[in-house]
């Protein structure tokens, strides 16, 4: 998903989504060097997600192992 930074207001970046909807995004989720007009891209890190799933499953399994 891509979106464009429209402006900054307080602790938020107002971003325009692909469908032109405007949404407030907390600055904590915006790269430090981002500026108005920049396009941000959200992606899924499938490798990191799988590693996390496995770690959680291993912990779960250890709770119920004989």
N, C-alpha and C. Protein backbone atom coordinates (compact mmCIF):
# COMPACT_ATOMS: atom_id res chain seq x y z
N UNK A 1 0.86 -1.17 0.00
CA UNK A 1 0.00 0.00 0.00
C UNK A 1 0.90 1.23 0.00
N UNK A 2 0.58 2.18 -0.85
CA UNK A 2 1.33 3.43 -0.93
C UNK A 2 0.44 4.58 -0.51
N UNK A 3 1.06 5.58 0.12
CA UNK A 3 0.34 6.79 0.43
C UNK A 3 1.28 7.97 0.43
N UNK A 4 0.70 9.16 0.28
CA UNK A 4 1.47 10.39 0.14
C UNK A 4 1.29 11.26 1.36
N UNK A 5 2.41 11.80 1.86
CA UNK A 5 2.32 12.73 2.99
C UNK A 5 1.80 14.06 2.46
N UNK A 6 0.65 14.47 2.96
CA UNK A 6 0.05 15.74 2.57
C UNK A 6 0.61 16.88 3.40
N UNK A 7 0.65 16.66 4.73
CA UNK A 7 1.14 17.71 5.63
C UNK A 7 1.37 17.09 7.02
N UNK A 8 1.98 17.88 7.88
CA UNK A 8 2.21 17.48 9.27
C UNK A 8 1.36 18.35 10.17
N UNK A 9 0.71 17.73 11.15
CA UNK A 9 -0.11 18.46 12.14
C UNK A 9 0.17 17.86 13.51
N UNK A 10 0.87 18.60 14.35
CA UNK A 10 1.17 18.12 15.70
C UNK A 10 1.95 16.83 15.66
N UNK A 11 1.41 15.80 16.30
CA UNK A 11 2.08 14.50 16.38
C UNK A 11 1.68 13.56 15.26
N UNK A 12 1.09 14.11 14.19
CA UNK A 12 0.61 13.27 13.09
C UNK A 12 1.08 13.78 11.74
N UNK A 13 1.18 12.84 10.81
CA UNK A 13 1.34 13.18 9.40
C UNK A 13 -0.02 12.89 8.77
N UNK A 14 -0.57 13.86 8.07
CA UNK A 14 -1.82 13.64 7.36
C UNK A 14 -1.43 13.07 6.01
N UNK A 15 -1.90 11.85 5.73
CA UNK A 15 -1.51 11.17 4.50
C UNK A 15 -2.73 10.90 3.63
N UNK A 16 -2.48 10.90 2.33
CA UNK A 16 -3.53 10.59 1.37
C UNK A 16 -3.34 9.16 0.88
N UNK A 17 -4.36 8.34 1.09
CA UNK A 17 -4.31 6.95 0.65
C UNK A 17 -4.54 6.87 -0.86
N UNK A 18 -4.37 5.68 -1.40
CA UNK A 18 -4.54 5.49 -2.84
C UNK A 18 -5.94 5.82 -3.32
N UNK A 19 -6.95 5.68 -2.43
CA UNK A 19 -8.33 6.00 -2.81
C UNK A 19 -8.68 7.45 -2.51
N UNK A 20 -7.68 8.26 -2.21
CA UNK A 20 -7.78 9.71 -1.93
C UNK A 20 -8.33 10.03 -0.53
N UNK A 21 -8.56 9.00 0.29
CA UNK A 21 -8.99 9.24 1.67
C UNK A 21 -7.81 9.81 2.46
N UNK A 22 -8.09 10.77 3.33
CA UNK A 22 -7.07 11.37 4.16
C UNK A 22 -7.10 10.72 5.55
N UNK A 23 -5.92 10.38 6.07
CA UNK A 23 -5.82 9.67 7.34
C UNK A 23 -4.67 10.27 8.15
N UNK A 24 -4.85 10.34 9.48
CA UNK A 24 -3.78 10.78 10.37
C UNK A 24 -2.92 9.58 10.74
N UNK A 25 -1.62 9.72 10.51
CA UNK A 25 -0.67 8.66 10.82
C UNK A 25 0.27 9.17 11.91
N UNK A 26 0.39 8.47 13.04
CA UNK A 26 1.28 8.93 14.10
C UNK A 26 2.71 9.11 13.57
N UNK A 27 3.35 10.18 13.99
CA UNK A 27 4.72 10.45 13.53
C UNK A 27 5.68 9.33 13.89
N UNK A 28 5.36 8.57 14.93
CA UNK A 28 6.23 7.46 15.32
C UNK A 28 6.32 6.39 14.23
N UNK A 29 5.37 6.40 13.28
CA UNK A 29 5.36 5.43 12.18
C UNK A 29 5.94 6.00 10.89
N UNK A 30 6.37 7.26 10.93
CA UNK A 30 6.87 7.94 9.74
C UNK A 30 8.39 8.07 9.85
N UNK A 31 9.13 7.76 8.78
CA UNK A 31 10.59 7.94 8.83
C UNK A 31 10.96 9.38 9.19
N UNK A 32 12.03 9.54 9.97
CA UNK A 32 12.45 10.86 10.44
C UNK A 32 12.66 11.88 9.33
N UNK A 33 13.22 11.45 8.23
CA UNK A 33 13.57 12.38 7.16
C UNK A 33 12.44 12.60 6.15
N UNK A 34 11.26 12.07 6.42
CA UNK A 34 10.13 12.22 5.49
C UNK A 34 9.64 13.66 5.47
N UNK A 35 9.15 14.07 4.31
CA UNK A 35 8.64 15.44 4.17
C UNK A 35 7.37 15.43 3.34
N UNK A 36 6.68 16.57 3.33
CA UNK A 36 5.44 16.70 2.55
C UNK A 36 5.70 16.33 1.10
N UNK A 37 4.78 15.57 0.54
CA UNK A 37 4.89 15.14 -0.85
C UNK A 37 5.57 13.79 -1.03
N UNK A 38 6.26 13.31 0.02
CA UNK A 38 6.92 12.01 -0.08
C UNK A 38 5.88 10.90 -0.14
N UNK A 39 6.20 9.86 -0.87
CA UNK A 39 5.34 8.69 -0.98
C UNK A 39 5.94 7.60 -0.11
N UNK A 40 5.13 7.08 0.80
CA UNK A 40 5.55 5.99 1.68
C UNK A 40 4.91 4.70 1.20
N UNK A 41 5.58 3.61 1.45
CA UNK A 41 5.12 2.31 0.99
C UNK A 41 5.12 1.34 2.17
N UNK A 42 3.99 0.69 2.42
CA UNK A 42 3.90 -0.33 3.46
C UNK A 42 3.96 -1.69 2.79
N UNK A 43 4.86 -2.53 3.28
CA UNK A 43 4.98 -3.88 2.74
C UNK A 43 4.98 -4.89 3.89
N UNK A 44 4.77 -6.13 3.55
CA UNK A 44 4.81 -7.22 4.51
C UNK A 44 6.17 -7.89 4.40
N UNK A 45 6.85 -8.02 5.52
CA UNK A 45 8.12 -8.74 5.55
C UNK A 45 7.80 -10.20 5.86
N UNK A 46 7.62 -10.99 4.82
CA UNK A 46 7.18 -12.38 4.99
C UNK A 46 8.20 -13.22 5.76
N UNK A 47 9.47 -12.97 5.53
CA UNK A 47 10.51 -13.73 6.22
C UNK A 47 10.46 -13.45 7.72
N UNK A 48 10.42 -12.18 8.11
CA UNK A 48 10.35 -11.82 9.53
C UNK A 48 9.07 -12.33 10.16
N UNK A 49 7.97 -12.29 9.41
CA UNK A 49 6.69 -12.79 9.92
C UNK A 49 6.77 -14.28 10.20
N UNK A 50 7.38 -15.02 9.31
CA UNK A 50 7.49 -16.47 9.50
C UNK A 50 8.39 -16.80 10.68
N UNK A 51 9.49 -16.08 10.85
CA UNK A 51 10.38 -16.29 11.99
C UNK A 51 9.62 -16.03 13.29
N UNK A 52 8.83 -14.97 13.33
CA UNK A 52 8.05 -14.64 14.52
C UNK A 52 7.01 -15.72 14.81
N UNK A 53 6.31 -16.17 13.77
CA UNK A 53 5.31 -17.23 13.95
C UNK A 53 5.95 -18.49 14.54
N UNK A 54 7.12 -18.85 14.00
CA UNK A 54 7.81 -20.05 14.47
C UNK A 54 8.23 -19.88 15.93
N UNK A 55 8.76 -18.72 16.28
CA UNK A 55 9.19 -18.47 17.66
C UNK A 55 8.00 -18.59 18.63
N UNK A 56 6.89 -18.01 18.25
CA UNK A 56 5.69 -18.08 19.10
C UNK A 56 5.18 -19.51 19.19
N UNK A 57 5.16 -20.22 18.08
CA UNK A 57 4.71 -21.62 18.08
C UNK A 57 5.61 -22.47 18.96
N UNK A 58 6.93 -22.24 18.88
CA UNK A 58 7.87 -23.00 19.72
C UNK A 58 7.60 -22.74 21.20
N UNK A 59 7.33 -21.49 21.56
CA UNK A 59 7.03 -21.17 22.96
C UNK A 59 5.73 -21.86 23.39
N UNK A 60 4.73 -21.80 22.54
CA UNK A 60 3.45 -22.45 22.82
C UNK A 60 3.65 -23.95 23.01
N UNK A 61 4.39 -24.56 22.10
CA UNK A 61 4.64 -26.00 22.17
C UNK A 61 5.37 -26.37 23.46
N UNK A 62 6.31 -25.54 23.88
CA UNK A 62 7.08 -25.85 25.10
C UNK A 62 6.21 -25.79 26.35
N UNK A 63 5.14 -25.01 26.31
CA UNK A 63 4.24 -24.93 27.45
C UNK A 63 3.44 -26.22 27.65
N UNK A 64 3.17 -26.89 26.55
CA UNK A 64 2.30 -28.07 26.60
C UNK A 64 3.00 -29.37 26.25
N UNK A 65 4.33 -29.35 26.28
CA UNK A 65 5.04 -30.58 25.98
C UNK A 65 5.11 -31.46 27.23
N UNK A 66 5.23 -32.74 26.99
CA UNK A 66 5.26 -33.71 28.11
C UNK A 66 6.59 -33.70 28.80
